[in-house]
Amino acid sequence: MLAGELYSHIMWQANKISIVVLLVGLAALGGAYWYLLPGDELLARRVLYTGICALLFAVAVANWLSLRK
């Protein structure tokens, strides 16, 4: 294995739950955005932007708390 491949493998193993949570969360936010878009574009954007910020914050706090253990 090359050094870059090894590093990628280690990072995936350490963060796979967070990566999956981010992907699922972003997919859910995308679905909510496309659902709300025809009715109210401003609301759809606000839900998307607020959801992305909340998702990133929640995953970051969860990672930080798990590292403290």
Protein backbone atom coordinates (compact mmCIF):
# COMPACT_ATOMS: atom_id res chain seq x y z
CA MET A 1 0.00 0.00 0.00
CA LEU A 2 1.18 3.47 -0.76
CA ALA A 3 1.33 6.03 2.04
CA GLY A 4 -1.68 7.93 0.67
CA GLU A 5 -3.78 4.78 0.40
CA LEU A 6 -2.87 3.77 3.92
CA TYR A 7 -3.76 7.22 5.23
CA SER A 8 -7.11 7.12 3.39
CA HIS A 9 -7.87 3.69 4.80
CA ILE A 10 -7.05 4.78 8.36
CA MET A 11 -9.14 7.95 8.03
CA TRP A 12 -12.08 5.95 6.65
CA GLN A 13 -11.91 3.48 9.55
CA ALA A 14 -11.76 6.29 12.12
CA ASN A 15 -14.56 8.39 10.61
CA LYS A 16 -16.84 6.01 8.71
CA ILE A 17 -19.85 6.51 11.01
CA SER A 18 -19.57 10.30 10.74
CA ILE A 19 -19.15 10.16 6.96
CA VAL A 20 -22.22 7.95 6.59
CA VAL A 21 -24.26 10.21 8.91
CA LEU A 22 -23.22 13.25 6.86
CA LEU A 23 -24.19 11.55 3.58
CA VAL A 24 -27.57 10.42 4.91
CA GLY A 25 -28.21 13.85 6.44
CA LEU A 26 -27.31 15.65 3.25
CA ALA A 27 -29.56 13.32 1.25
CA ALA A 28 -32.44 14.03 3.65
CA LEU A 29 -31.85 17.78 3.43
CA GLY A 30 -31.73 17.55 -0.36
CA GLY A 31 -35.04 15.70 -0.35
CA ALA A 32 -36.60 18.32 1.92
CA TYR A 33 -35.26 21.07 -0.33
CA TRP A 34 -36.73 19.55 -3.49
CA TYR A 35 -40.03 18.90 -1.69
CA LEU A 36 -40.34 22.49 -0.46
CA LEU A 37 -38.94 24.19 -3.58
CA PRO A 38 -42.14 24.32 -5.67
CA GLY A 39 -44.13 25.92 -2.83
CA ASP A 40 -41.71 28.40 -1.30
CA GLU A 41 -38.18 28.85 -2.60
CA LEU A 42 -37.06 31.04 0.31
CA LEU A 43 -38.25 28.51 2.89
CA ALA A 44 -36.56 25.69 0.98
CA ARG A 45 -33.24 27.56 1.00
CA ARG A 46 -33.53 28.46 4.68
CA VAL A 47 -34.28 24.84 5.63
CA LEU A 48 -31.34 23.63 3.55
CA TYR A 49 -28.82 26.14 4.91
CA THR A 50 -29.93 25.79 8.52
CA GLY A 51 -29.97 22.01 8.20
CA ILE A 52 -26.45 21.88 6.80
CA CYS A 53 -25.14 24.03 9.64
CA ALA A 54 -26.96 21.97 12.27
CA LEU A 55 -25.78 18.71 10.69
CA LEU A 56 -22.15 19.79 10.60
CA PHE A 57 -22.34 21.05 14.18
CA ALA A 58 -23.97 17.86 15.48
CA VAL A 59 -21.45 15.58 13.75
CA ALA A 60 -18.53 17.71 14.93
CA VAL A 61 -19.75 17.65 18.54
CA ALA A 62 -20.32 13.88 18.38
CA ASN A 63 -16.78 13.37 17.04
CA TRP A 64 -15.32 15.62 19.70
CA LEU A 65 -17.18 13.84 22.48
CA SER A 66 -16.15 10.42 21.19
CA LEU A 67 -12.49 11.50 21.06
CA ARG A 68 -12.62 12.68 24.67
CA LYS A 69 -13.51 9.20 25.91
